[in-house]
């Protein structure tokens, strides 16, 4: 099968992954309205191309937090890559290193932060962080990633509790016995046999997280802190007041609160509020180079893809993720040229 667009990889993954695995990756919260609107929203946006401008040379490079990357698409934090491909996050890390873009490694990885760093020693990596009731868990992982050369912390703030993902409940989703949340290996032995939620004991996440915890996190590390999960201008202003270095406009792929707007619809409000004081990124619904162009035109510095990276892994591991990124790269270049953007 010739893989022409990201939808081809999606179809392959749907056919070749187990039902429980496919349902896990595709899950949205409740009726999946937000998950689906993340995609549909791009179709409502129209481009206004210019003409007769020399577009024989296109430069798609950009920078995030001062680091140059090949084009404004990175890999969003997604969990459990080993469910899609045996090398899991190691393959994802190597692919992004080769393409020279940013990979946000997930707390819920099936490979450890050490293994990911060793697999792609020259890769540009951030680490996605949750805060837990036991703050020592968060402290330990922050210390590890800083020592390993990860370049930023991405604090996910939209999961005080896990959204209701119906198919995961129906499937009684659990990691298979040979896989685990590798970053916490050996840390929950006292709670062995307790009820699990996505690979760790239930009720581990801290629902009391608040803005004061941003200051607490800053006291632990010199790494830049990026807030992931902002959808309003009010929270964007608060993020800046609390000294963060970046914002990811995100609704968690529609997996948390159903009925919130598509991220691309939230982006202009947040960009307008920020006024260039920090970099604004976004994820959710990116499936074509055209989508990338629309997000950049509306003010995003870079976009991040989640599910498509999983489809690439399911297709052909590291090579599949590279192909996903290359397709988006080529489509974005073509959309820029046809819009006659210099």
C-alpha atoms as a PDB file:
ATOM      1  CA  UNK A   1       0.000   0.000   0.000  1.00  0.00           C
ATOM      2  CA  UNK A   2       1.369   3.409  -0.973  1.00  0.00           C
ATOM      3  CA  UNK A   3       1.074   5.768   1.965  1.00  0.00           C
ATOM      4  CA  UNK A   4       0.052   9.113   0.503  1.00  0.00           C
ATOM      5  CA  UNK A   5      -1.439  10.960   3.471  1.00  0.00           C
ATOM      6  CA  UNK A   6      -1.857  10.576   7.212  1.00  0.00           C
ATOM      7  CA  UNK A   7      -5.304   9.020   6.770  1.00  0.00           C
ATOM      8  CA  UNK A   8      -3.630   6.051   5.066  1.00  0.00           C
ATOM      9  CA  UNK A   9      -1.564   5.415   8.197  1.00  0.00           C
ATOM     10  CA  UNK A  10      -4.692   5.732  10.341  1.00  0.00           C
ATOM     11  CA  UNK A  11      -6.467   3.089   8.279  1.00  0.00           C
ATOM     12  CA  UNK A  12      -3.467   0.760   8.506  1.00  0.00           C
ATOM     13  CA  UNK A  13      -3.261   1.151  12.276  1.00  0.00           C
ATOM     14  CA  UNK A  14      -6.982   0.522  12.676  1.00  0.00           C
ATOM     15  CA  UNK A  15      -6.670  -2.733  10.753  1.00  0.00           C
ATOM     16  CA  UNK A  16      -3.537  -4.016  12.464  1.00  0.00           C
ATOM     17  CA  UNK A  17      -3.769  -2.974  16.127  1.00  0.00           C
ATOM     18  CA  UNK A  18      -5.903  -4.933  18.587  1.00  0.00           C
ATOM     19  CA  UNK A  19      -9.356  -3.492  19.232  1.00  0.00           C
ATOM     20  CA  UNK A  20      -8.492  -2.526  22.815  1.00  0.00           C
ATOM     21  CA  UNK A  21      -5.298  -0.794  21.706  1.00  0.00           C
ATOM     22  CA  UNK A  22      -7.021   1.028  18.850  1.00  0.00           C
ATOM     23  CA  UNK A  23      -9.829   2.115  21.166  1.00  0.00           C
ATOM     24  CA  UNK A  24      -7.305   3.404  23.705  1.00  0.00           C
ATOM     25  CA  UNK A  25      -5.494   5.591  21.192  1.00  0.00           C
ATOM     26  CA  UNK A  26      -8.654   6.834  19.474  1.00  0.00           C
ATOM     27  CA  UNK A  27     -10.639   7.426  22.646  1.00  0.00           C
ATOM     28  CA  UNK A  28     -12.265  10.751  23.309  1.00  0.00           C
ATOM     29  CA  UNK A  29     -14.191  11.691  26.411  1.00  0.00           C
ATOM     30  CA  UNK A  30     -17.930  11.000  26.624  1.00  0.00           C
ATOM     31  CA  UNK A  31     -19.558  11.605  23.196  1.00  0.00           C
ATOM     32  CA  UNK A  32     -16.204  12.512  21.575  1.00  0.00           C
ATOM     33  CA  UNK A  33     -17.596  15.851  20.371  1.00  0.00           C
ATOM     34  CA  UNK A  34     -14.401  17.742  21.129  1.00  0.00           C
ATOM     35  CA  UNK A  35     -12.186  15.027  19.673  1.00  0.00           C
ATOM     36  CA  UNK A  36     -14.106  15.182  16.410  1.00  0.00           C
ATOM     37  CA  UNK A  37     -14.370  18.973  16.374  1.00  0.00           C
ATOM     38  CA  UNK A  38     -10.584  19.226  16.616  1.00  0.00           C
ATOM     39  CA  UNK A  39     -10.594  17.825  13.072  1.00  0.00           C
ATOM     40  CA  UNK A  40     -13.695  19.528  11.698  1.00  0.00           C
ATOM     41  CA  UNK A  41     -12.605  22.989  12.836  1.00  0.00           C
ATOM     42  CA  UNK A  42      -9.779  23.097  10.287  1.00  0.00           C
ATOM     43  CA  UNK A  43     -12.278  22.534   7.484  1.00  0.00           C
ATOM     44  CA  UNK A  44     -14.108  25.707   8.490  1.00  0.00           C
ATOM     45  CA  UNK A  45     -10.984  27.843   8.027  1.00  0.00           C
ATOM     46  CA  UNK A  46     -10.205  29.265   4.585  1.00  0.00           C
ATOM     47  CA  UNK A  47      -6.872  30.461   3.227  1.00  0.00           C
ATOM     48  CA  UNK A  48      -6.378  33.751   1.336  1.00  0.00           C
ATOM     49  CA  UNK A  49      -3.466  33.129  -1.062  1.00  0.00           C
ATOM     50  CA  UNK A  50      -1.335  35.823  -2.641  1.00  0.00           C
ATOM     51  CA  UNK A  51      -0.005  35.622  -6.219  1.00  0.00           C
ATOM     52  CA  UNK A  52       3.074  36.474  -8.284  1.00  0.00           C
ATOM     53  CA  UNK A  53       5.564  36.250  -5.468  1.00  0.00           C
ATOM     54  CA  UNK A  54       8.747  34.280  -5.976  1.00  0.00           C
ATOM     55  CA  UNK A  55       8.324  31.054  -4.018  1.00  0.00           C
ATOM     56  CA  UNK A  56      11.125  29.100  -5.689  1.00  0.00           C
ATOM     57  CA  UNK A  57      12.851  28.849  -2.303  1.00  0.00           C
ATOM     58  CA  UNK A  58      10.923  27.929   0.836  1.00  0.00           C
ATOM     59  CA  UNK A  59      12.511  28.055   4.272  1.00  0.00           C
ATOM     60  CA  UNK A  60      10.374  26.139   6.754  1.00  0.00           C
ATOM     61  CA  UNK A  61      12.801  26.225   9.647  1.00  0.00           C
ATOM     62  CA  UNK A  62      11.715  27.760  12.905  1.00  0.00           C
ATOM     63  CA  UNK A  63      12.877  27.777  16.510  1.00  0.00           C
ATOM     64  CA  UNK A  64      11.270  26.752  19.779  1.00  0.00           C
ATOM     65  CA  UNK A  65      12.763  28.116  22.990  1.00  0.00           C
ATOM     66  CA  UNK A  66      15.743  29.236  20.940  1.00  0.00           C
ATOM     67  CA  UNK A  67      16.466  25.839  19.341  1.00  0.00           C
ATOM     68  CA  UNK A  68      16.208  25.610  15.567  1.00  0.00           C
ATOM     69  CA  UNK A  69      14.064  22.793  14.187  1.00  0.00           C
ATOM     70  CA  UNK A  70      13.517  21.755  10.579  1.00  0.00           C
ATOM     71  CA  UNK A  71       9.840  22.754  10.399  1.00  0.00           C
ATOM     72  CA  UNK A  72       7.130  23.718  12.885  1.00  0.00           C
ATOM     73  CA  UNK A  73       5.791  20.251  13.681  1.00  0.00           C
ATOM     74  CA  UNK A  74       6.839  18.207  16.712  1.00  0.00           C
ATOM     75  CA  UNK A  75       5.628  15.084  18.484  1.00  0.00           C
ATOM     76  CA  UNK A  76       3.128  15.605  21.308  1.00  0.00           C
ATOM     77  CA  UNK A  77       3.284  13.527  24.479  1.00  0.00           C
ATOM     78  CA  UNK A  78       1.335  10.305  24.035  1.00  0.00           C
ATOM     79  CA  UNK A  79       1.471   7.239  26.224  1.00  0.00           C
ATOM     80  CA  UNK A  80       2.347   3.602  25.737  1.00  0.00           C
ATOM     81  CA  UNK A  81       4.133   3.594  22.368  1.00  0.00           C
ATOM     82  CA  UNK A  82       5.144  -0.039  22.862  1.00  0.00           C
ATOM     83  CA  UNK A  83       1.507  -0.985  22.331  1.00  0.00           C
ATOM     84  CA  UNK A  84       1.923   0.155  18.723  1.00  0.00           C
ATOM     85  CA  UNK A  85       5.504  -1.010  18.037  1.00  0.00           C
ATOM     86  CA  UNK A  86       7.896  -3.144  20.050  1.00  0.00           C
ATOM     87  CA  UNK A  87      10.563  -0.428  20.305  1.00  0.00           C
ATOM     88  CA  UNK A  88       7.992   2.139  21.352  1.00  0.00           C
ATOM     89  CA  UNK A  89       9.297   5.542  22.388  1.00  0.00           C
ATOM     90  CA  UNK A  90      12.840   4.625  21.343  1.00  0.00           C
ATOM     91  CA  UNK A  91      11.701   4.507  17.724  1.00  0.00           C
ATOM     92  CA  UNK A  92       9.817   7.792  18.110  1.00  0.00           C
ATOM     93  CA  UNK A  93      12.870   9.487  19.613  1.00  0.00           C
ATOM     94  CA  UNK A  94      15.168   8.296  16.833  1.00  0.00           C
ATOM     95  CA  UNK A  95      12.722   9.448  14.151  1.00  0.00           C
ATOM     96  CA  UNK A  96      12.454  12.958  15.567  1.00  0.00           C
ATOM     97  CA  UNK A  97      16.213  13.149  15.990  1.00  0.00           C
ATOM     98  CA  UNK A  98      16.681  12.268  12.312  1.00  0.00           C
ATOM     99  CA  UNK A  99      14.092  14.812  11.172  1.00  0.00           C
ATOM    100  CA  UNK A 100      15.475  17.435  13.590  1.00  0.00           C
ATOM    101  CA  UNK A 101      12.332  18.381  15.410  1.00  0.00           C
ATOM    102  CA  UNK A 102      11.049  18.365  18.986  1.00  0.00           C
ATOM    103  CA  UNK A 103       9.798  15.286  20.816  1.00  0.00           C
ATOM    104  CA  UNK A 104       7.827  15.715  24.038  1.00  0.00           C
ATOM    105  CA  UNK A 105       8.303  12.469  25.941  1.00  0.00           C
ATOM    106  CA  UNK A 106       5.309  11.400  28.012  1.00  0.00           C
ATOM    107  CA  UNK A 107       5.325  10.512  31.682  1.00  0.00           C
ATOM    108  CA  UNK A 108       3.276   7.488  30.606  1.00  0.00           C
ATOM    109  CA  UNK A 109       5.999   6.061  28.397  1.00  0.00           C
ATOM    110  CA  UNK A 110       6.690   2.365  28.109  1.00  0.00           C
ATOM    111  CA  UNK A 111      10.404   3.224  27.885  1.00  0.00           C
ATOM    112  CA  UNK A 112      12.195   5.193  30.584  1.00  0.00           C
ATOM    113  CA  UNK A 113      13.509   8.717  30.185  1.00  0.00           C
ATOM    114  CA  UNK A 114      17.010   7.240  30.379  1.00  0.00           C
ATOM    115  CA  UNK A 115      16.330   4.757  27.580  1.00  0.00           C
ATOM    116  CA  UNK A 116      14.810   7.484  25.392  1.00  0.00           C
ATOM    117  CA  UNK A 117      17.818   9.761  25.894  1.00  0.00           C
ATOM    118  CA  UNK A 118      20.243   6.942  25.090  1.00  0.00           C
ATOM    119  CA  UNK A 119      18.339   5.974  21.932  1.00  0.00           C
ATOM    120  CA  UNK A 120      18.606   9.478  20.454  1.00  0.00           C
ATOM    121  CA  UNK A 121      21.475  11.239  22.254  1.00  0.00           C
ATOM    122  CA  UNK A 122      21.447  14.242  19.915  1.00  0.00           C
ATOM    123  CA  UNK A 123      17.674  14.619  19.796  1.00  0.00           C
ATOM    124  CA  UNK A 124      15.843  17.709  21.028  1.00  0.00           C
ATOM    125  CA  UNK A 125      13.521  16.575  23.823  1.00  0.00           C
ATOM    126  CA  UNK A 126      11.111  18.069  26.318  1.00  0.00           C
ATOM    127  CA  UNK A 127       9.433  16.087  29.102  1.00  0.00           C
ATOM    128  CA  UNK A 128       5.714  16.096  29.860  1.00  0.00           C
ATOM    129  CA  UNK A 129       4.982  16.112  33.575  1.00  0.00           C
ATOM    130  CA  UNK A 130       2.014  15.487  35.849  1.00  0.00           C
ATOM    131  CA  UNK A 131       1.927  16.431  39.515  1.00  0.00           C
ATOM    132  CA  UNK A 132       1.082  13.635  41.943  1.00  0.00           C
ATOM    133  CA  UNK A 133      -0.296  13.470  45.462  1.00  0.00           C
ATOM    134  CA  UNK A 134       3.143  12.173  46.438  1.00  0.00           C
ATOM    135  CA  UNK A 135       5.240  15.102  45.305  1.00  0.00           C
ATOM    136  CA  UNK A 136       8.422  13.053  45.637  1.00  0.00           C
ATOM    137  CA  UNK A 137       7.403  11.165  42.478  1.00  0.00           C
ATOM    138  CA  UNK A 138       7.328  14.440  40.558  1.00  0.00           C
ATOM    139  CA  UNK A 139      10.549  15.688  42.174  1.00  0.00           C
ATOM    140  CA  UNK A 140      12.433  12.529  41.251  1.00  0.00           C
ATOM    141  CA  UNK A 141      11.391  12.549  37.605  1.00  0.00           C
ATOM    142  CA  UNK A 142      12.200  16.270  37.262  1.00  0.00           C
ATOM    143  CA  UNK A 143      15.679  15.636  38.642  1.00  0.00           C
ATOM    144  CA  UNK A 144      16.207  12.715  36.270  1.00  0.00           C
ATOM    145  CA  UNK A 145      15.185  14.519  33.086  1.00  0.00           C
ATOM    146  CA  UNK A 146      17.190  17.630  33.930  1.00  0.00           C
ATOM    147  CA  UNK A 147      20.315  15.520  34.460  1.00  0.00           C
ATOM    148  CA  UNK A 148      19.673  13.712  31.166  1.00  0.00           C
ATOM    149  CA  UNK A 149      19.582  16.908  29.107  1.00  0.00           C
ATOM    150  CA  UNK A 150      15.886  17.289  28.430  1.00  0.00           C
ATOM    151  CA  UNK A 151      15.404  20.941  27.540  1.00  0.00           C
ATOM    152  CA  UNK A 152      12.013  21.858  29.039  1.00  0.00           C
ATOM    153  CA  UNK A 153       9.222  20.636  31.290  1.00  0.00           C
ATOM    154  CA  UNK A 154       5.714  20.507  29.854  1.00  0.00           C
ATOM    155  CA  UNK A 155       3.306  20.623  32.771  1.00  0.00           C
ATOM    156  CA  UNK A 156      -0.036  19.105  31.820  1.00  0.00           C
ATOM    157  CA  UNK A 157      -2.763  20.914  33.761  1.00  0.00           C
ATOM    158  CA  UNK A 158      -6.045  19.558  32.393  1.00  0.00           C
ATOM    159  CA  UNK A 159      -6.064  16.200  34.215  1.00  0.00           C
ATOM    160  CA  UNK A 160      -7.041  16.709  37.874  1.00  0.00           C
ATOM    161  CA  UNK A 161      -9.061  13.570  37.158  1.00  0.00           C
ATOM    162  CA  UNK A 162      -9.038  11.325  34.107  1.00  0.00           C
ATOM    163  CA  UNK A 163     -11.802  11.963  31.580  1.00  0.00           C
ATOM    164  CA  UNK A 164     -14.447   9.298  30.989  1.00  0.00           C
ATOM    165  CA  UNK A 165     -13.342   7.286  27.968  1.00  0.00           C
ATOM    166  CA  UNK A 166     -16.170   4.886  27.419  1.00  0.00           C
ATOM    167  CA  UNK A 167     -14.458   2.262  25.293  1.00  0.00           C
ATOM    168  CA  UNK A 168     -11.579   1.966  27.749  1.00  0.00           C
ATOM    169  CA  UNK A 169     -14.138   1.253  30.468  1.00  0.00           C
ATOM    170  CA  UNK A 170     -15.961  -1.272  28.280  1.00  0.00           C
ATOM    171  CA  UNK A 171     -12.668  -2.946  27.345  1.00  0.00           C
ATOM    172  CA  UNK A 172     -11.387  -2.808  30.939  1.00  0.00           C
ATOM    173  CA  UNK A 173      -8.200  -1.416  29.440  1.00  0.00           C
ATOM    174  CA  UNK A 174      -4.958  -2.439  31.093  1.00  0.00           C
ATOM    175  CA  UNK A 175      -1.386  -2.628  29.914  1.00  0.00           C
ATOM    176  CA  UNK A 176      -0.352  -6.180  29.006  1.00  0.00           C
ATOM    177  CA  UNK A 177       1.855  -7.896  31.621  1.00  0.00           C
ATOM    178  CA  UNK A 178       5.087  -7.351  29.663  1.00  0.00           C
ATOM    179  CA  UNK A 179       4.648  -3.554  29.608  1.00  0.00           C
ATOM    180  CA  UNK A 180       4.630  -0.900  32.329  1.00  0.00           C
ATOM    181  CA  UNK A 181       4.915   2.826  32.894  1.00  0.00           C
ATOM    182  CA  UNK A 182       8.685   2.484  32.834  1.00  0.00           C
ATOM    183  CA  UNK A 183       9.442   5.817  34.493  1.00  0.00           C
ATOM    184  CA  UNK A 184       7.883   4.503  37.709  1.00  0.00           C
ATOM    185  CA  UNK A 185       9.384   1.025  37.661  1.00  0.00           C
ATOM    186  CA  UNK A 186       9.612  -0.285  41.223  1.00  0.00           C
ATOM    187  CA  UNK A 187       8.010   2.796  42.774  1.00  0.00           C
ATOM    188  CA  UNK A 188       4.571   1.404  43.602  1.00  0.00           C
ATOM    189  CA  UNK A 189       5.503  -1.945  45.114  1.00  0.00           C
ATOM    190  CA  UNK A 190       3.670  -1.182  48.366  1.00  0.00           C
ATOM    191  CA  UNK A 191       0.480  -0.718  46.349  1.00  0.00           C
ATOM    192  CA  UNK A 192       0.831  -3.918  44.321  1.00  0.00           C
ATOM    193  CA  UNK A 193      -2.577  -5.400  43.622  1.00  0.00           C
ATOM    194  CA  UNK A 194      -4.427  -2.118  44.093  1.00  0.00           C
ATOM    195  CA  UNK A 195      -6.784  -0.775  41.433  1.00  0.00           C
ATOM    196  CA  UNK A 196      -4.871   0.605  38.454  1.00  0.00           C
ATOM    197  CA  UNK A 197      -5.640   3.471  36.111  1.00  0.00           C
ATOM    198  CA  UNK A 198      -3.541   3.518  32.945  1.00  0.00           C
ATOM    199  CA  UNK A 199      -0.607   1.652  34.454  1.00  0.00           C
ATOM    200  CA  UNK A 200      -0.323   3.328  37.844  1.00  0.00           C
ATOM    201  CA  UNK A 201      -2.399   3.072  41.022  1.00  0.00           C
ATOM    202  CA  UNK A 202      -5.717   4.905  40.867  1.00  0.00           C
ATOM    203  CA  UNK A 203      -5.882   8.284  42.630  1.00  0.00           C
ATOM    204  CA  UNK A 204      -2.171   8.957  42.135  1.00  0.00           C
ATOM    205  CA  UNK A 205      -2.807  12.239  40.304  1.00  0.00           C
ATOM    206  CA  UNK A 206      -3.274  15.275  42.537  1.00  0.00           C
ATOM    207  CA  UNK A 207      -6.627  17.039  41.977  1.00  0.00           C
ATOM    208  CA  UNK A 208      -5.554  19.897  44.272  1.00  0.00           C
ATOM    209  CA  UNK A 209      -3.003  21.196  41.742  1.00  0.00           C
ATOM    210  CA  UNK A 210      -3.172  24.989  41.452  1.00  0.00           C
ATOM    211  CA  UNK A 211      -1.167  27.959  40.203  1.00  0.00           C
ATOM    212  CA  UNK A 212       0.989  27.938  43.335  1.00  0.00           C
ATOM    213  CA  UNK A 213       2.387  24.605  42.156  1.00  0.00           C
ATOM    214  CA  UNK A 214       3.966  26.364  39.187  1.00  0.00           C
ATOM    215  CA  UNK A 215       6.095  28.301  41.653  1.00  0.00           C
ATOM    216  CA  UNK A 216       6.883  25.050  43.492  1.00  0.00           C
ATOM    217  CA  UNK A 217       8.015  23.461  40.251  1.00  0.00           C
ATOM    218  CA  UNK A 218      10.176  26.474  39.419  1.00  0.00           C
ATOM    219  CA  UNK A 219      11.895  26.036  42.789  1.00  0.00           C
ATOM    220  CA  UNK A 220      12.983  22.536  41.764  1.00  0.00           C
ATOM    221  CA  UNK A 221      14.508  23.211  38.363  1.00  0.00           C
ATOM    222  CA  UNK A 222      16.186  25.646  36.043  1.00  0.00           C
ATOM    223  CA  UNK A 223      14.401  24.136  33.041  1.00  0.00           C
ATOM    224  CA  UNK A 224      11.872  26.281  31.184  1.00  0.00           C
ATOM    225  CA  UNK A 225       8.284  25.425  32.111  1.00  0.00           C
ATOM    226  CA  UNK A 226       5.589  25.174  29.464  1.00  0.00           C
ATOM    227  CA  UNK A 227       1.932  24.863  30.450  1.00  0.00           C
ATOM    228  CA  UNK A 228      -0.086  22.388  28.380  1.00  0.00           C
ATOM    229  CA  UNK A 229      -3.870  22.507  28.486  1.00  0.00           C
ATOM    230  CA  UNK A 230      -4.742  26.200  28.259  1.00  0.00           C
ATOM    231  CA  UNK A 231      -7.888  27.126  26.290  1.00  0.00           C
ATOM    232  CA  UNK A 232      -8.737  30.659  27.457  1.00  0.00           C
ATOM    233  CA  UNK A 233      -7.137  34.083  27.436  1.00  0.00           C
ATOM    234  CA  UNK A 234      -7.672  34.373  31.194  1.00  0.00           C
ATOM    235  CA  UNK A 235      -5.528  31.328  31.900  1.00  0.00           C
ATOM    236  CA  UNK A 236      -2.965  32.461  29.349  1.00  0.00           C
ATOM    237  CA  UNK A 237      -2.601  35.724  31.291  1.00  0.00           C
ATOM    238  CA  UNK A 238      -2.227  33.814  34.552  1.00  0.00           C
ATOM    239  CA  UNK A 239       0.404  31.560  33.012  1.00  0.00           C
ATOM    240  CA  UNK A 240       2.466  34.591  32.043  1.00  0.00           C
ATOM    241  CA  UNK A 241       1.990  36.141  35.490  1.00  0.00           C
ATOM    242  CA  UNK A 242       3.398  32.947  36.981  1.00  0.00           C
ATOM    243  CA  UNK A 243       6.518  33.095  34.848  1.00  0.00           C
ATOM    244  CA  UNK A 244       6.089  30.223  32.402  1.00  0.00           C
ATOM    245  CA  UNK A 245       8.117  30.201  29.190  1.00  0.00           C
ATOM    246  CA  UNK A 246       5.504  28.752  26.853  1.00  0.00           C
ATOM    247  CA  UNK A 247       1.872  27.715  26.411  1.00  0.00           C
ATOM    248  CA  UNK A 248       0.482  24.716  24.557  1.00  0.00           C
ATOM    249  CA  UNK A 249      -3.114  25.309  23.542  1.00  0.00           C
ATOM    250  CA  UNK A 250      -4.546  21.837  24.067  1.00  0.00           C
ATOM    251  CA  UNK A 251      -7.719  19.996  25.014  1.00  0.00           C
ATOM    252  CA  UNK A 252      -5.857  16.708  25.491  1.00  0.00           C
ATOM    253  CA  UNK A 253      -6.970  15.411  22.113  1.00  0.00           C
ATOM    254  CA  UNK A 254     -10.583  15.620  23.253  1.00  0.00           C
ATOM    255  CA  UNK A 255      -9.872  13.012  25.946  1.00  0.00           C
ATOM    256  CA  UNK A 256     -10.711  15.101  29.021  1.00  0.00           C
ATOM    257  CA  UNK A 257     -13.665  17.533  29.128  1.00  0.00           C
ATOM    258  CA  UNK A 258     -16.017  16.919  26.235  1.00  0.00           C
ATOM    259  CA  UNK A 259     -17.736  19.987  24.818  1.00  0.00           C
ATOM    260  CA  UNK A 260     -14.818  22.409  24.986  1.00  0.00           C
ATOM    261  CA  UNK A 261     -13.839  24.174  21.747  1.00  0.00           C
ATOM    262  CA  UNK A 262     -11.431  22.825  19.174  1.00  0.00           C
ATOM    263  CA  UNK A 263      -7.900  23.995  19.900  1.00  0.00           C
ATOM    264  CA  UNK A 264      -7.566  25.838  16.585  1.00  0.00           C
ATOM    265  CA  UNK A 265     -10.664  27.861  17.561  1.00  0.00           C
ATOM    266  CA  UNK A 266      -9.063  28.800  20.908  1.00  0.00           C
ATOM    267  CA  UNK A 267      -5.715  29.745  19.401  1.00  0.00           C
ATOM    268  CA  UNK A 268      -6.427  33.319  18.154  1.00  0.00           C
ATOM    269  CA  UNK A 269      -7.799  34.453  21.522  1.00  0.00           C
ATOM    270  CA  UNK A 270      -4.715  33.184  23.331  1.00  0.00           C
ATOM    271  CA  UNK A 271      -2.229  34.551  20.806  1.00  0.00           C
ATOM    272  CA  UNK A 272      -3.925  37.934  21.070  1.00  0.00           C
ATOM    273  CA  UNK A 273      -3.745  37.876  24.861  1.00  0.00           C
ATOM    274  CA  UNK A 274      -0.116  36.786  24.986  1.00  0.00           C
ATOM    275  CA  UNK A 275       1.107  39.478  22.567  1.00  0.00           C
ATOM    276  CA  UNK A 276       4.417  37.729  21.978  1.00  0.00           C
ATOM    277  CA  UNK A 277       5.467  37.612  25.631  1.00  0.00           C
ATOM    278  CA  UNK A 278       5.886  33.824  25.492  1.00  0.00           C
ATOM    279  CA  UNK A 279       5.771  31.308  22.674  1.00  0.00           C
ATOM    280  CA  UNK A 280       2.387  29.737  21.920  1.00  0.00           C
ATOM    281  CA  UNK A 281       2.133  26.210  20.541  1.00  0.00           C
ATOM    282  CA  UNK A 282      -0.859  23.971  19.945  1.00  0.00           C
ATOM    283  CA  UNK A 283      -1.914  20.378  19.385  1.00  0.00           C
ATOM    284  CA  UNK A 284      -5.120  18.658  18.352  1.00  0.00           C
ATOM    285  CA  UNK A 285      -6.482  17.716  14.941  1.00  0.00           C
ATOM    286  CA  UNK A 286      -3.388  18.272  12.764  1.00  0.00           C
ATOM    287  CA  UNK A 287      -3.677  15.866   9.843  1.00  0.00           C
ATOM    288  CA  UNK A 288      -2.301  17.764   6.813  1.00  0.00           C
ATOM    289  CA  UNK A 289       0.275  20.365   5.900  1.00  0.00           C
ATOM    290  CA  UNK A 290      -2.661  22.650   5.225  1.00  0.00           C
ATOM    291  CA  UNK A 291      -3.671  22.301   8.872  1.00  0.00           C
ATOM    292  CA  UNK A 292      -0.145  23.221   9.926  1.00  0.00           C
ATOM    293  CA  UNK A 293      -0.244  26.326   7.751  1.00  0.00           C
ATOM    294  CA  UNK A 294      -3.569  27.431   9.235  1.00  0.00           C
ATOM    295  CA  UNK A 295      -2.275  27.052  12.783  1.00  0.00           C
ATOM    296  CA  UNK A 296       0.937  28.956  12.028  1.00  0.00           C
ATOM    297  CA  UNK A 297      -1.032  31.682  10.246  1.00  0.00           C
ATOM    298  CA  UNK A 298      -3.191  32.083  13.347  1.00  0.00           C
ATOM    299  CA  UNK A 299      -0.159  32.583  15.537  1.00  0.00           C
ATOM    300  CA  UNK A 300       1.166  29.217  16.691  1.00  0.00           C
ATOM    301  CA  UNK A 301       4.954  29.008  16.818  1.00  0.00           C
ATOM    302  CA  UNK A 302       4.850  25.228  16.381  1.00  0.00           C
ATOM    303  CA  UNK A 303       2.242  22.457  16.379  1.00  0.00           C
ATOM    304  CA  UNK A 304       2.469  18.992  17.881  1.00  0.00           C
ATOM    305  CA  UNK A 305       0.922  15.764  16.622  1.00  0.00           C
ATOM    306  CA  UNK A 306      -0.210  12.899  18.840  1.00  0.00           C
ATOM    307  CA  UNK A 307      -2.260  10.116  17.267  1.00  0.00           C
ATOM    308  CA  UNK A 308      -0.552  10.326  13.827  1.00  0.00           C
ATOM    309  CA  UNK A 309       2.788   9.441  15.432  1.00  0.00           C
ATOM    310  CA  UNK A 310       1.162   6.309  16.847  1.00  0.00           C
ATOM    311  CA  UNK A 311      -0.156   5.382  13.406  1.00  0.00           C
ATOM    312  CA  UNK A 312       3.348   5.759  12.001  1.00  0.00           C
ATOM    313  CA  UNK A 313       4.714   3.480  14.694  1.00  0.00           C
ATOM    314  CA  UNK A 314       2.042   0.877  13.996  1.00  0.00           C
ATOM    315  CA  UNK A 315       2.914   0.955  10.305  1.00  0.00           C
ATOM    316  CA  UNK A 316       6.682   0.641  10.418  1.00  0.00           C
ATOM    317  CA  UNK A 317       8.178   1.851  13.708  1.00  0.00           C
ATOM    318  CA  UNK A 318      10.862   4.509  13.413  1.00  0.00           C
ATOM    319  CA  UNK A 319      10.545   4.580   9.627  1.00  0.00           C
ATOM    320  CA  UNK A 320       6.798   5.060   9.889  1.00  0.00           C
ATOM    321  CA  UNK A 321       7.138   8.058  12.215  1.00  0.00           C
ATOM    322  CA  UNK A 322       9.705   9.547   9.830  1.00  0.00           C
ATOM    323  CA  UNK A 323       7.280   9.051   6.942  1.00  0.00           C
ATOM    324  CA  UNK A 324       4.484  10.783   8.876  1.00  0.00           C
ATOM    325  CA  UNK A 325       6.746  13.774   9.548  1.00  0.00           C
ATOM    326  CA  UNK A 326       8.029  13.830   5.968  1.00  0.00           C
ATOM    327  CA  UNK A 327       4.511  13.876   4.545  1.00  0.00           C
ATOM    328  CA  UNK A 328       3.574  16.797   6.787  1.00  0.00           C
ATOM    329  CA  UNK A 329       6.832  18.543   5.875  1.00  0.00           C
ATOM    330  CA  UNK A 330       6.199  18.184   2.149  1.00  0.00           C
ATOM    331  CA  UNK A 331       2.526  19.139   2.394  1.00  0.00           C
ATOM    332  CA  UNK A 332       3.350  22.187   4.507  1.00  0.00           C
ATOM    333  CA  UNK A 333       5.981  23.286   1.989  1.00  0.00           C
ATOM    334  CA  UNK A 334       3.489  22.900  -0.864  1.00  0.00           C
ATOM    335  CA  UNK A 335       0.752  24.782   1.018  1.00  0.00           C
ATOM    336  CA  UNK A 336       3.183  27.609   1.735  1.00  0.00           C
ATOM    337  CA  UNK A 337       4.198  27.806  -1.903  1.00  0.00           C
ATOM    338  CA  UNK A 338       0.636  27.689  -3.248  1.00  0.00           C
ATOM    339  CA  UNK A 339      -0.360  30.400  -0.763  1.00  0.00           C
ATOM    340  CA  UNK A 340       2.720  32.288  -1.950  1.00  0.00           C
ATOM    341  CA  UNK A 341       4.038  32.728   1.552  1.00  0.00           C
ATOM    342  CA  UNK A 342       7.719  33.606   1.548  1.00  0.00           C
END
